Amino acid sequence: MKRFFKNIKSDKILFFGFLAALIFIILNLSLVGFFYSKLPPFIPLFNQMPWGEARLGLKEQIFIPIAITFAIFVINIIISSWLYKKTPLVSRIFSITTLLISFFTLLFIIRTIRIMV
């Protein structure tokens, strides 16, 4: 297993991209954990839906974007490790994509919490 992730540690772009993404995911969990008790029972999560109750989700559903982001993080880190020897550029693209997804999830969580608290 160490050899599997050796490429990620050796490439600075991969390492710092995935590290920053992990930090953003931890920040997401920390923010939700800190403000969870202050959130109302229904929060606006589904912003693409028509105006009204369709936009609202249960308070527990605030963890869905974080879980999806973490799943993408794990999948991309595995794919990047696997592809690094063949195409380092694609691995770096996966790293930056993961970083952007986790950053935008953090912005979404901050915006949602700021509206409700």
PDB file of N, CA and C in Angstrom:
ATOM      1  N   MET A   1       0.819  -1.194   0.000  1.00  0.00           N
ATOM      2  CA  MET A   1       0.000   0.000   0.000  1.00  0.00           C
ATOM      3  C   MET A   1       0.866   1.262   0.000  1.00  0.00           C
ATOM      4  N   LYS A   2       2.013   1.204   0.684  1.00  0.00           N
ATOM      5  CA  LYS A   2       2.889   2.372   0.698  1.00  0.00           C
ATOM      6  C   LYS A   2       3.373   2.704  -0.704  1.00  0.00           C
ATOM      7  N   ARG A   3       3.692   1.662  -1.452  1.00  0.00           N
ATOM      8  CA  ARG A   3       4.186   1.877  -2.807  1.00  0.00           C
ATOM      9  C   ARG A   3       3.096   2.464  -3.701  1.00  0.00           C
ATOM     10  N   PHE A   4       1.856   2.128  -3.383  1.00  0.00           N
ATOM     11  CA  PHE A   4       0.733   2.613  -4.180  1.00  0.00           C
ATOM     12  C   PHE A   4       0.614   4.134  -4.094  1.00  0.00           C
ATOM     13  N   PHE A   5       0.845   4.692  -2.907  1.00  0.00           N
ATOM     14  CA  PHE A   5       0.727   6.135  -2.711  1.00  0.00           C
ATOM     15  C   PHE A   5       2.066   6.859  -2.760  1.00  0.00           C
ATOM     16  N   LYS A   6       3.122   6.158  -3.103  1.00  0.00           N
ATOM     17  CA  LYS A   6       4.451   6.764  -3.174  1.00  0.00           C
ATOM     18  C   LYS A   6       4.508   7.867  -4.229  1.00  0.00           C
ATOM     19  N   ASN A   7       3.818   7.663  -5.335  1.00  0.00           N
ATOM     20  CA  ASN A   7       3.821   8.663  -6.407  1.00  0.00           C
ATOM     21  C   ASN A   7       3.176   9.969  -5.963  1.00  0.00           C
ATOM     22  N   ILE A   8       2.165   9.862  -5.140  1.00  0.00           N
ATOM     23  CA  ILE A   8       1.480  11.068  -4.676  1.00  0.00           C
ATOM     24  C   ILE A   8       2.398  11.881  -3.772  1.00  0.00           C
ATOM     25  N   LYS A   9       3.156  11.213  -2.943  1.00  0.00           N
ATOM     26  CA  LYS A   9       4.076  11.928  -2.060  1.00  0.00           C
ATOM     27  C   LYS A   9       5.230  12.552  -2.829  1.00  0.00           C
ATOM     28  N   SER A  10       5.650  11.927  -3.908  1.00  0.00           N
ATOM     29  CA  SER A  10       6.807  12.440  -4.645  1.00  0.00           C
ATOM     30  C   SER A  10       6.456  13.626  -5.551  1.00  0.00           C
ATOM     31  N   ASP A  11       5.242  13.697  -6.033  1.00  0.00           N
ATOM     32  CA  ASP A  11       4.828  14.788  -6.917  1.00  0.00           C
ATOM     33  C   ASP A  11       4.195  15.896  -6.080  1.00  0.00           C
ATOM     34  N   LYS A  12       4.774  17.087  -6.118  1.00  0.00           N
ATOM     35  CA  LYS A  12       4.302  18.184  -5.267  1.00  0.00           C
ATOM     36  C   LYS A  12       2.897  18.642  -5.634  1.00  0.00           C
ATOM     37  N   ILE A  13       2.586  18.670  -6.910  1.00  0.00           N
ATOM     38  CA  ILE A  13       1.252  19.111  -7.325  1.00  0.00           C
ATOM     39  C   ILE A  13       0.197  18.140  -6.818  1.00  0.00           C
ATOM     40  N   LEU A  14       0.457  16.860  -6.978  1.00  0.00           N
ATOM     41  CA  LEU A  14      -0.487  15.859  -6.477  1.00  0.00           C
ATOM     42  C   LEU A  14      -0.621  15.945  -4.960  1.00  0.00           C
ATOM     43  N   PHE A  15       0.509  15.998  -4.297  1.00  0.00           N
ATOM     44  CA  PHE A  15       0.495  15.986  -2.837  1.00  0.00           C
ATOM     45  C   PHE A  15      -0.245  17.188  -2.267  1.00  0.00           C
ATOM     46  N   PHE A  16       0.120  18.381  -2.719  1.00  0.00           N
ATOM     47  CA  PHE A  16      -0.513  19.574  -2.165  1.00  0.00           C
ATOM     48  C   PHE A  16      -1.959  19.733  -2.632  1.00  0.00           C
ATOM     49  N   GLY A  17      -2.273  19.263  -3.826  1.00  0.00           N
ATOM     50  CA  GLY A  17      -3.659  19.299  -4.289  1.00  0.00           C
ATOM     51  C   GLY A  17      -4.557  18.422  -3.438  1.00  0.00           C
ATOM     52  N   PHE A  18      -4.120  17.188  -3.213  1.00  0.00           N
ATOM     53  CA  PHE A  18      -4.924  16.283  -2.393  1.00  0.00           C
ATOM     54  C   PHE A  18      -4.911  16.688  -0.922  1.00  0.00           C
ATOM     55  N   LEU A  19      -3.799  17.227  -0.445  1.00  0.00           N
ATOM     56  CA  LEU A  19      -3.736  17.680   0.946  1.00  0.00           C
ATOM     57  C   LEU A  19      -4.690  18.850   1.179  1.00  0.00           C
ATOM     58  N   ALA A  20      -4.691  19.809   0.266  1.00  0.00           N
ATOM     59  CA  ALA A  20      -5.608  20.948   0.400  1.00  0.00           C
ATOM     60  C   ALA A  20      -7.059  20.489   0.303  1.00  0.00           C
ATOM     61  N   ALA A  21      -7.332  19.539  -0.575  1.00  0.00           N
ATOM     62  CA  ALA A  21      -8.695  19.003  -0.686  1.00  0.00           C
ATOM     63  C   ALA A  21      -9.114  18.333   0.616  1.00  0.00           C
ATOM     64  N   LEU A  22      -8.214  17.588   1.219  1.00  0.00           N
ATOM     65  CA  LEU A  22      -8.520  16.941   2.495  1.00  0.00           C
ATOM     66  C   LEU A  22      -8.749  17.979   3.594  1.00  0.00           C
ATOM     67  N   ILE A  23      -7.982  19.042   3.578  1.00  0.00           N
ATOM     68  CA  ILE A  23      -8.169  20.120   4.560  1.00  0.00           C
ATOM     69  C   ILE A  23      -9.540  20.772   4.372  1.00  0.00           C
ATOM     70  N   PHE A  24      -9.940  20.990   3.124  1.00  0.00           N
ATOM     71  CA  PHE A  24     -11.266  21.564   2.872  1.00  0.00           C
ATOM     72  C   PHE A  24     -12.375  20.626   3.346  1.00  0.00           C
ATOM     73  N   ILE A  25     -12.203  19.337   3.153  1.00  0.00           N
ATOM     74  CA  ILE A  25     -13.211  18.373   3.611  1.00  0.00           C
ATOM     75  C   ILE A  25     -13.296  18.386   5.138  1.00  0.00           C
ATOM     76  N   ILE A  26     -12.155  18.454   5.795  1.00  0.00           N
ATOM     77  CA  ILE A  26     -12.150  18.521   7.262  1.00  0.00           C
ATOM     78  C   ILE A  26     -12.784  19.825   7.738  1.00  0.00           C
ATOM     79  N   LEU A  27     -12.517  20.921   7.032  1.00  0.00           N
ATOM     80  CA  LEU A  27     -13.166  22.195   7.366  1.00  0.00           C
ATOM     81  C   LEU A  27     -14.682  22.098   7.212  1.00  0.00           C
ATOM     82  N   ASN A  28     -15.123  21.436   6.157  1.00  0.00           N
ATOM     83  CA  ASN A  28     -16.562  21.220   5.961  1.00  0.00           C
ATOM     84  C   ASN A  28     -17.171  20.500   7.154  1.00  0.00           C
ATOM     85  N   LEU A  29     -16.551  19.407   7.532  1.00  0.00           N
ATOM     86  CA  LEU A  29     -17.072  18.634   8.661  1.00  0.00           C
ATOM     87  C   LEU A  29     -17.036  19.443   9.955  1.00  0.00           C
ATOM     88  N   SER A  30     -15.993  20.232  10.134  1.00  0.00           N
ATOM     89  CA  SER A  30     -15.884  21.050  11.342  1.00  0.00           C
ATOM     90  C   SER A  30     -16.978  22.112  11.393  1.00  0.00           C
ATOM     91  N   LEU A  31     -17.201  22.774  10.270  1.00  0.00           N
ATOM     92  CA  LEU A  31     -18.246  23.801  10.228  1.00  0.00           C
ATOM     93  C   LEU A  31     -19.625  23.215  10.496  1.00  0.00           C
ATOM     94  N   VAL A  32     -19.918  22.122   9.834  1.00  0.00           N
ATOM     95  CA  VAL A  32     -21.226  21.498  10.037  1.00  0.00           C
ATOM     96  C   VAL A  32     -21.344  20.995  11.473  1.00  0.00           C
ATOM     97  N   GLY A  33     -20.289  20.416  11.989  1.00  0.00           N
ATOM     98  CA  GLY A  33     -20.324  19.938  13.366  1.00  0.00           C
ATOM     99  C   GLY A  33     -20.517  21.060  14.370  1.00  0.00           C
ATOM    100  N   PHE A  34     -19.902  22.200  14.100  1.00  0.00           N
ATOM    101  CA  PHE A  34     -20.007  23.334  15.020  1.00  0.00           C
ATOM    102  C   PHE A  34     -21.400  23.963  14.990  1.00  0.00           C
ATOM    103  N   PHE A  35     -21.970  24.106  13.798  1.00  0.00           N
ATOM    104  CA  PHE A  35     -23.253  24.793  13.657  1.00  0.00           C
ATOM    105  C   PHE A  35     -24.455  23.855  13.568  1.00  0.00           C
ATOM    106  N   TYR A  36     -24.244  22.567  13.675  1.00  0.00           N
ATOM    107  CA  TYR A  36     -25.334  21.611  13.461  1.00  0.00           C
ATOM    108  C   TYR A  36     -26.494  21.828  14.430  1.00  0.00           C
ATOM    109  N   SER A  37     -26.196  22.083  15.672  1.00  0.00           N
ATOM    110  CA  SER A  37     -27.271  22.251  16.658  1.00  0.00           C
ATOM    111  C   SER A  37     -28.037  23.557  16.450  1.00  0.00           C
ATOM    112  N   LYS A  38     -27.441  24.514  15.767  1.00  0.00           N
ATOM    113  CA  LYS A  38     -28.092  25.805  15.539  1.00  0.00           C
ATOM    114  C   LYS A  38     -28.915  25.834  14.251  1.00  0.00           C
ATOM    115  N   LEU A  39     -28.791  24.802  13.440  1.00  0.00           N
ATOM    116  CA  LEU A  39     -29.530  24.770  12.177  1.00  0.00           C
ATOM    117  C   LEU A  39     -30.999  24.432  12.422  1.00  0.00           C
ATOM    118  N   PRO A  40     -31.886  25.016  11.616  1.00  0.00           N
ATOM    119  CA  PRO A  40     -33.306  24.655  11.725  1.00  0.00           C
ATOM    120  C   PRO A  40     -33.543  23.256  11.154  1.00  0.00           C
ATOM    121  N   PRO A  41     -34.724  22.690  11.378  1.00  0.00           N
ATOM    122  CA  PRO A  41     -34.987  21.326  10.898  1.00  0.00           C
ATOM    123  C   PRO A  41     -34.941  21.187   9.372  1.00  0.00           C
ATOM    124  N   PHE A  42     -35.260  22.250   8.657  1.00  0.00           N
ATOM    125  CA  PHE A  42     -35.222  22.223   7.191  1.00  0.00           C
ATOM    126  C   PHE A  42     -34.293  23.325   6.701  1.00  0.00           C
ATOM    127  N   ILE A  43     -33.419  22.972   5.761  1.00  0.00           N
ATOM    128  CA  ILE A  43     -32.468  23.943   5.218  1.00  0.00           C
ATOM    129  C   ILE A  43     -32.507  23.890   3.691  1.00  0.00           C
ATOM    130  N   PRO A  44     -32.197  25.006   3.023  1.00  0.00           N
ATOM    131  CA  PRO A  44     -32.235  25.023   1.554  1.00  0.00           C
ATOM    132  C   PRO A  44     -31.000  24.345   0.961  1.00  0.00           C
ATOM    133  N   LEU A  45     -31.179  23.136   0.490  1.00  0.00           N
ATOM    134  CA  LEU A  45     -30.066  22.382  -0.088  1.00  0.00           C
ATOM    135  C   LEU A  45     -30.182  22.203  -1.595  1.00  0.00           C
ATOM    136  N   PHE A  46     -31.374  22.090  -2.080  1.00  0.00           N
ATOM    137  CA  PHE A  46     -31.593  21.753  -3.485  1.00  0.00           C
ATOM    138  C   PHE A  46     -31.945  23.023  -4.255  1.00  0.00           C
ATOM    139  N   ASN A  47     -30.932  23.803  -4.580  1.00  0.00           N
ATOM    140  CA  ASN A  47     -31.144  25.125  -5.156  1.00  0.00           C
ATOM    141  C   ASN A  47     -31.601  25.099  -6.609  1.00  0.00           C
ATOM    142  N   GLN A  48     -31.507  23.980  -7.274  1.00  0.00           N
ATOM    143  CA  GLN A  48     -31.946  23.894  -8.666  1.00  0.00           C
ATOM    144  C   GLN A  48     -33.435  23.595  -8.789  1.00  0.00           C
ATOM    145  N   MET A  49     -34.063  23.295  -7.683  1.00  0.00           N
ATOM    146  CA  MET A  49     -35.491  22.975  -7.690  1.00  0.00           C
ATOM    147  C   MET A  49     -36.306  24.270  -7.723  1.00  0.00           C
ATOM    148  N   PRO A  50     -37.594  24.175  -8.095  1.00  0.00           N
ATOM    149  CA  PRO A  50     -38.439  25.370  -8.088  1.00  0.00           C
ATOM    150  C   PRO A  50     -38.584  25.931  -6.669  1.00  0.00           C
ATOM    151  N   TRP A  51     -38.925  27.184  -6.607  1.00  0.00           N
ATOM    152  CA  TRP A  51     -39.035  27.866  -5.324  1.00  0.00           C
ATOM    153  C   TRP A  51     -40.097  27.199  -4.457  1.00  0.00           C
ATOM    154  N   GLY A  52     -39.807  27.076  -3.187  1.00  0.00           N
ATOM    155  CA  GLY A  52     -40.772  26.516  -2.248  1.00  0.00           C
ATOM    156  C   GLY A  52     -40.182  25.361  -1.463  1.00  0.00           C
ATOM    157  N   GLU A  53     -41.059  24.482  -1.046  1.00  0.00           N
ATOM    158  CA  GLU A  53     -40.642  23.372  -0.197  1.00  0.00           C
ATOM    159  C   GLU A  53     -39.751  22.368  -0.915  1.00  0.00           C
ATOM    160  N   ALA A  54     -39.778  22.359  -2.225  1.00  0.00           N
ATOM    161  CA  ALA A  54     -38.938  21.419  -2.977  1.00  0.00           C
ATOM    162  C   ALA A  54     -37.452  21.700  -2.780  1.00  0.00           C
ATOM    163  N   ARG A  55     -37.120  22.925  -2.445  1.00  0.00           N
ATOM    164  CA  ARG A  55     -35.721  23.299  -2.222  1.00  0.00           C
ATOM    165  C   ARG A  55     -35.201  22.872  -0.855  1.00  0.00           C
ATOM    166  N   LEU A  56     -36.087  22.570   0.038  1.00  0.00           N
ATOM    167  CA  LEU A  56     -35.681  22.294   1.411  1.00  0.00           C
ATOM    168  C   LEU A  56     -35.321  20.828   1.608  1.00  0.00           C
ATOM    169  N   GLY A  57     -34.321  20.627   2.434  1.00  0.00           N
ATOM    170  CA  GLY A  57     -33.930  19.279   2.825  1.00  0.00           C
ATOM    171  C   GLY A  57     -33.852  19.207   4.337  1.00  0.00           C
ATOM    172  N   LEU A  58     -33.860  18.018   4.840  1.00  0.00           N
ATOM    173  CA  LEU A  58     -33.727  17.847   6.279  1.00  0.00           C
ATOM    174  C   LEU A  58     -32.343  18.290   6.737  1.00  0.00           C
ATOM    175  N   LYS A  59     -32.263  18.619   7.984  1.00  0.00           N
ATOM    176  CA  LYS A  59     -30.999  19.088   8.550  1.00  0.00           C
ATOM    177  C   LYS A  59     -29.893  18.042   8.377  1.00  0.00           C
ATOM    178  N   GLU A  60     -30.240  16.779   8.458  1.00  0.00           N
ATOM    179  CA  GLU A  60     -29.251  15.707   8.329  1.00  0.00           C
ATOM    180  C   GLU A  60     -28.676  15.611   6.916  1.00  0.00           C
ATOM    181  N   GLN A  61     -29.402  16.123   5.947  1.00  0.00           N
ATOM    182  CA  GLN A  61     -28.956  16.029   4.560  1.00  0.00           C
ATOM    183  C   GLN A  61     -27.824  16.994   4.228  1.00  0.00           C
ATOM    184  N   ILE A  62     -27.420  17.818   5.174  1.00  0.00           N
ATOM    185  CA  ILE A  62     -26.281  18.710   4.944  1.00  0.00           C
ATOM    186  C   ILE A  62     -24.988  17.905   4.785  1.00  0.00           C
ATOM    187  N   PHE A  63     -25.009  16.653   5.233  1.00  0.00           N
ATOM    188  CA  PHE A  63     -23.823  15.807   5.107  1.00  0.00           C
ATOM    189  C   PHE A  63     -23.695  15.171   3.723  1.00  0.00           C
ATOM    190  N   ILE A  64     -24.725  15.237   2.903  1.00  0.00           N
ATOM    191  CA  ILE A  64     -24.680  14.623   1.569  1.00  0.00           C
ATOM    192  C   ILE A  64     -23.586  15.237   0.693  1.00  0.00           C
ATOM    193  N   PRO A  65     -23.494  16.569   0.561  1.00  0.00           N
ATOM    194  CA  PRO A  65     -22.411  17.112  -0.276  1.00  0.00           C
ATOM    195  C   PRO A  65     -21.022  16.763   0.241  1.00  0.00           C
ATOM    196  N   ILE A  66     -20.873  16.699   1.553  1.00  0.00           N
ATOM    197  CA  ILE A  66     -19.573  16.360   2.130  1.00  0.00           C
ATOM    198  C   ILE A  66     -19.238  14.899   1.839  1.00  0.00           C
ATOM    199  N   ALA A  67     -20.226  14.025   1.946  1.00  0.00           N
ATOM    200  CA  ALA A  67     -19.998  12.606   1.661  1.00  0.00           C
ATOM    201  C   ALA A  67     -19.656  12.386   0.188  1.00  0.00           C
ATOM    202  N   ILE A  68     -20.334  13.095  -0.690  1.00  0.00           N
ATOM    203  CA  ILE A  68     -20.039  12.977  -2.122  1.00  0.00           C
ATOM    204  C   ILE A  68     -18.634  13.492  -2.412  1.00  0.00           C
ATOM    205  N   THR A  69     -18.270  14.600  -1.793  1.00  0.00           N
ATOM    206  CA  THR A  69     -16.928  15.148  -1.981  1.00  0.00           C
ATOM    207  C   THR A  69     -15.867  14.183  -1.480  1.00  0.00           C
ATOM    208  N   PHE A  70     -16.111  13.566  -0.339  1.00  0.00           N
ATOM    209  CA  PHE A  70     -15.140  12.608   0.192  1.00  0.00           C
ATOM    210  C   PHE A  70     -15.031  11.380  -0.711  1.00  0.00           C
ATOM    211  N   ALA A  71     -16.152  10.929  -1.248  1.00  0.00           N
ATOM    212  CA  ALA A  71     -16.121   9.788  -2.171  1.00  0.00           C
ATOM    213  C   ALA A  71     -15.323  10.136  -3.429  1.00  0.00           C
ATOM    214  N   ILE A  72     -15.525  11.326  -3.953  1.00  0.00           N
ATOM    215  CA  ILE A  72     -14.758  11.773  -5.120  1.00  0.00           C
ATOM    216  C   ILE A  72     -13.279  11.863  -4.773  1.00  0.00           C
ATOM    217  N   PHE A  73     -12.974  12.346  -3.580  1.00  0.00           N
ATOM    218  CA  PHE A  73     -11.586  12.437  -3.120  1.00  0.00           C
ATOM    219  C   PHE A  73     -10.926  11.059  -3.115  1.00  0.00           C
ATOM    220  N   VAL A  74     -11.591  10.088  -2.530  1.00  0.00           N
ATOM    221  CA  VAL A  74     -11.017   8.739  -2.434  1.00  0.00           C
ATOM    222  C   VAL A  74     -10.858   8.117  -3.820  1.00  0.00           C
ATOM    223  N   ILE A  75     -11.878   8.239  -4.643  1.00  0.00           N
ATOM    224  CA  ILE A  75     -11.811   7.664  -5.991  1.00  0.00           C
ATOM    225  C   ILE A  75     -10.701   8.323  -6.805  1.00  0.00           C
ATOM    226  N   ASN A  76     -10.603   9.638  -6.738  1.00  0.00           N
ATOM    227  CA  ASN A  76      -9.580  10.338  -7.519  1.00  0.00           C
ATOM    228  C   ASN A  76      -8.171  10.054  -7.024  1.00  0.00           C
ATOM    229  N   ILE A  77      -7.997   9.881  -5.738  1.00  0.00           N
ATOM    230  CA  ILE A  77      -6.656   9.583  -5.236  1.00  0.00           C
ATOM    231  C   ILE A  77      -6.226   8.178  -5.665  1.00  0.00           C
ATOM    232  N   ILE A  78      -7.164   7.257  -5.708  1.00  0.00           N
ATOM    233  CA  ILE A  78      -6.840   5.901  -6.169  1.00  0.00           C
ATOM    234  C   ILE A  78      -6.535   5.902  -7.664  1.00  0.00           C
ATOM    235  N   ILE A  79      -7.354   6.585  -8.435  1.00  0.00           N
ATOM    236  CA  ILE A  79      -7.124   6.649  -9.886  1.00  0.00           C
ATOM    237  C   ILE A  79      -5.815   7.372 -10.192  1.00  0.00           C
ATOM    238  N   SER A  80      -5.534   8.441  -9.464  1.00  0.00           N
ATOM    239  CA  SER A  80      -4.291   9.182  -9.690  1.00  0.00           C
ATOM    240  C   SER A  80      -3.069   8.333  -9.384  1.00  0.00           C
ATOM    241  N   SER A  81      -3.133   7.576  -8.316  1.00  0.00           N
ATOM    242  CA  SER A  81      -2.006   6.698  -7.979  1.00  0.00           C
ATOM    243  C   SER A  81      -1.803   5.630  -9.041  1.00  0.00           C
ATOM    244  N   TRP A  82      -2.889   5.143  -9.554  1.00  0.00           N
ATOM    245  CA  TRP A  82      -2.826   4.083 -10.551  1.00  0.00           C
ATOM    246  C   TRP A  82      -2.319   4.599 -11.902  1.00  0.00           C
ATOM    247  N   LEU A  83      -2.723   5.817 -12.275  1.00  0.00           N
ATOM    248  CA  LEU A  83      -2.368   6.359 -13.587  1.00  0.00           C
ATOM    249  C   LEU A  83      -1.056   7.133 -13.618  1.00  0.00           C
ATOM    250  N   TYR A  84      -0.463   7.395 -12.485  1.00  0.00           N
ATOM    251  CA  TYR A  84       0.674   8.317 -12.443  1.00  0.00           C
ATOM    252  C   TYR A  84       1.841   7.861 -13.310  1.00  0.00           C
ATOM    253  N   LYS A  85       2.161   6.601 -13.303  1.00  0.00           N
ATOM    254  CA  LYS A  85       3.306   6.112 -14.093  1.00  0.00           C
ATOM    255  C   LYS A  85       3.080   6.301 -15.593  1.00  0.00           C
ATOM    256  N   LYS A  86       1.845   6.124 -16.036  1.00  0.00           N
ATOM    257  CA  LYS A  86       1.548   6.231 -17.466  1.00  0.00           C
ATOM    258  C   LYS A  86       1.383   7.681 -17.901  1.00  0.00           C
ATOM    259  N   THR A  87       0.565   8.423 -17.169  1.00  0.00           N
ATOM    260  CA  THR A  87       0.269   9.809 -17.546  1.00  0.00           C
ATOM    261  C   THR A  87       0.206  10.695 -16.302  1.00  0.00           C
ATOM    262  N   PRO A  88       1.318  11.306 -15.937  1.00  0.00           N
ATOM    263  CA  PRO A  88       1.318  12.170 -14.752  1.00  0.00           C
ATOM    264  C   PRO A  88       0.390  13.383 -14.893  1.00  0.00           C
ATOM    265  N   LEU A  89       0.221  13.867 -16.112  1.00  0.00           N
ATOM    266  CA  LEU A  89      -0.633  15.036 -16.309  1.00  0.00           C
ATOM    267  C   LEU A  89      -2.078  14.739 -15.929  1.00  0.00           C
ATOM    268  N   VAL A  90      -2.568  13.582 -16.304  1.00  0.00           N
ATOM    269  CA  VAL A  90      -3.943  13.210 -15.961  1.00  0.00           C
ATOM    270  C   VAL A  90      -4.094  13.080 -14.444  1.00  0.00           C
ATOM    271  N   SER A  91      -3.090  12.552 -13.791  1.00  0.00           N
ATOM    272  CA  SER A  91      -3.130  12.448 -12.330  1.00  0.00           C
ATOM    273  C   SER A  91      -3.182  13.830 -11.692  1.00  0.00           C
ATOM    274  N   ARG A  92      -2.433  14.752 -12.237  1.00  0.00           N
ATOM    275  CA  ARG A  92      -2.452  16.123 -11.713  1.00  0.00           C
ATOM    276  C   ARG A  92      -3.802  16.788 -11.960  1.00  0.00           C
ATOM    277  N   ILE A  93      -4.399  16.506 -13.090  1.00  0.00           N
ATOM    278  CA  ILE A  93      -5.728  17.052 -13.380  1.00  0.00           C
ATOM    279  C   ILE A  93      -6.747  16.512 -12.378  1.00  0.00           C
ATOM    280  N   PHE A  94      -6.652  15.224 -12.054  1.00  0.00           N
ATOM    281  CA  PHE A  94      -7.530  14.652 -11.028  1.00  0.00           C
ATOM    282  C   PHE A  94      -7.320  15.346  -9.687  1.00  0.00           C
ATOM    283  N   SER A  95      -6.081  15.643  -9.364  1.00  0.00           N
ATOM    284  CA  SER A  95      -5.775  16.310  -8.097  1.00  0.00           C
ATOM    285  C   SER A  95      -6.387  17.705  -8.042  1.00  0.00           C
ATOM    286  N   ILE A  96      -6.210  18.466  -9.089  1.00  0.00           N
ATOM    287  CA  ILE A  96      -6.752  19.829  -9.128  1.00  0.00           C
ATOM    288  C   ILE A  96      -8.278  19.801  -9.160  1.00  0.00           C
ATOM    289  N   THR A  97      -8.846  18.846  -9.868  1.00  0.00           N
ATOM    290  CA  THR A  97     -10.301  18.710  -9.900  1.00  0.00           C
ATOM    291  C   THR A  97     -10.853  18.405  -8.514  1.00  0.00           C
ATOM    292  N   THR A  98     -10.189  17.529  -7.804  1.00  0.00           N
ATOM    293  CA  THR A  98     -10.606  17.209  -6.438  1.00  0.00           C
ATOM    294  C   THR A  98     -10.505  18.433  -5.542  1.00  0.00           C
ATOM    295  N   LEU A  99      -9.447  19.190  -5.716  1.00  0.00           N
ATOM    296  CA  LEU A  99      -9.278  20.418  -4.939  1.00  0.00           C
ATOM    297  C   LEU A  99     -10.417  21.397  -5.216  1.00  0.00           C
ATOM    298  N   LEU A 100     -10.755  21.584  -6.471  1.00  0.00           N
ATOM    299  CA  LEU A 100     -11.833  22.513  -6.821  1.00  0.00           C
ATOM    300  C   LEU A 100     -13.189  22.041  -6.296  1.00  0.00           C
ATOM    301  N   ILE A 101     -13.458  20.758  -6.419  1.00  0.00           N
ATOM    302  CA  ILE A 101     -14.734  20.227  -5.926  1.00  0.00           C
ATOM    303  C   ILE A 101     -14.849  20.423  -4.419  1.00  0.00           C
ATOM    304  N   SER A 102     -13.784  20.139  -3.700  1.00  0.00           N
ATOM    305  CA  SER A 102     -13.843  20.302  -2.243  1.00  0.00           C
ATOM    306  C   SER A 102     -13.941  21.775  -1.856  1.00  0.00           C
ATOM    307  N   PHE A 103     -13.301  22.654  -2.618  1.00  0.00           N
ATOM    308  CA  PHE A 103     -13.398  24.093  -2.339  1.00  0.00           C
ATOM    309  C   PHE A 103     -14.819  24.600  -2.572  1.00  0.00           C
ATOM    310  N   PHE A 104     -15.423  24.201  -3.686  1.00  0.00           N
ATOM    311  CA  PHE A 104     -16.783  24.657  -3.966  1.00  0.00           C
ATOM    312  C   PHE A 104     -17.798  24.049  -2.999  1.00  0.00           C
ATOM    313  N   THR A 105     -17.532  22.859  -2.522  1.00  0.00           N
ATOM    314  CA  THR A 105     -18.397  22.285  -1.491  1.00  0.00           C
ATOM    315  C   THR A 105     -18.284  23.093  -0.204  1.00  0.00           C
ATOM    316  N   LEU A 106     -17.073  23.514   0.120  1.00  0.00           N
ATOM    317  CA  LEU A 106     -16.887  24.361   1.300  1.00  0.00           C
ATOM    318  C   LEU A 106     -17.656  25.672   1.151  1.00  0.00           C
ATOM    319  N   LEU A 107     -17.588  26.285  -0.025  1.00  0.00           N
ATOM    320  CA  LEU A 107     -18.345  27.519  -0.250  1.00  0.00           C
ATOM    321  C   LEU A 107     -19.849  27.285  -0.123  1.00  0.00           C
ATOM    322  N   PHE A 108     -20.326  26.167  -0.645  1.00  0.00           N
ATOM    323  CA  PHE A 108     -21.749  25.838  -0.547  1.00  0.00           C
ATOM    324  C   PHE A 108     -22.168  25.673   0.912  1.00  0.00           C
ATOM    325  N   ILE A 109     -21.363  24.973   1.685  1.00  0.00           N
ATOM    326  CA  ILE A 109     -21.687  24.750   3.094  1.00  0.00           C
ATOM    327  C   ILE A 109     -21.660  26.072   3.861  1.00  0.00           C
ATOM    328  N   ILE A 110     -20.661  26.890   3.608  1.00  0.00           N
ATOM    329  CA  ILE A 110     -20.574  28.195   4.284  1.00  0.00           C
ATOM    330  C   ILE A 110     -21.785  29.045   3.938  1.00  0.00           C
ATOM    331  N   ARG A 111     -22.150  29.073   2.664  1.00  0.00           N
ATOM    332  CA  ARG A 111     -23.293  29.872   2.231  1.00  0.00           C
ATOM    333  C   ARG A 111     -24.592  29.368   2.858  1.00  0.00           C
ATOM    334  N   THR A 112     -24.760  28.073   2.892  1.00  0.00           N
ATOM    335  CA  THR A 112     -25.977  27.500   3.462  1.00  0.00           C
ATOM    336  C   THR A 112     -26.059  27.775   4.959  1.00  0.00           C
ATOM    337  N   ILE A 113     -24.965  27.616   5.652  1.00  0.00           N
ATOM    338  CA  ILE A 113     -24.971  27.867   7.096  1.00  0.00           C
ATOM    339  C   ILE A 113     -25.171  29.348   7.379  1.00  0.00           C
ATOM    340  N   ARG A 114     -24.545  30.199   6.581  1.00  0.00           N
ATOM    341  CA  ARG A 114     -24.679  31.644   6.796  1.00  0.00           C
ATOM    342  C   ARG A 114     -26.117  32.117   6.610  1.00  0.00           C
ATOM    343  N   ILE A 115     -26.818  31.520   5.674  1.00  0.00           N
ATOM    344  CA  ILE A 115     -28.220  31.885   5.448  1.00  0.00           C
ATOM    345  C   ILE A 115     -29.074  31.480   6.649  1.00  0.00           C
ATOM    346  N   MET A 116     -28.782  30.325   7.213  1.00  0.00           N
ATOM    347  CA  MET A 116     -29.662  29.755   8.225  1.00  0.00           C
ATOM    348  C   MET A 116     -29.332  30.165   9.655  1.00  0.00           C
ATOM    349  N   VAL A 117     -28.120  30.591   9.916  1.00  0.00           N
ATOM    350  CA  VAL A 117     -27.751  30.913  11.307  1.00  0.00           C
ATOM    351  C   VAL A 117     -27.729  32.408  11.507  1.00  0.00           C
TER     352      VAL A 117
END
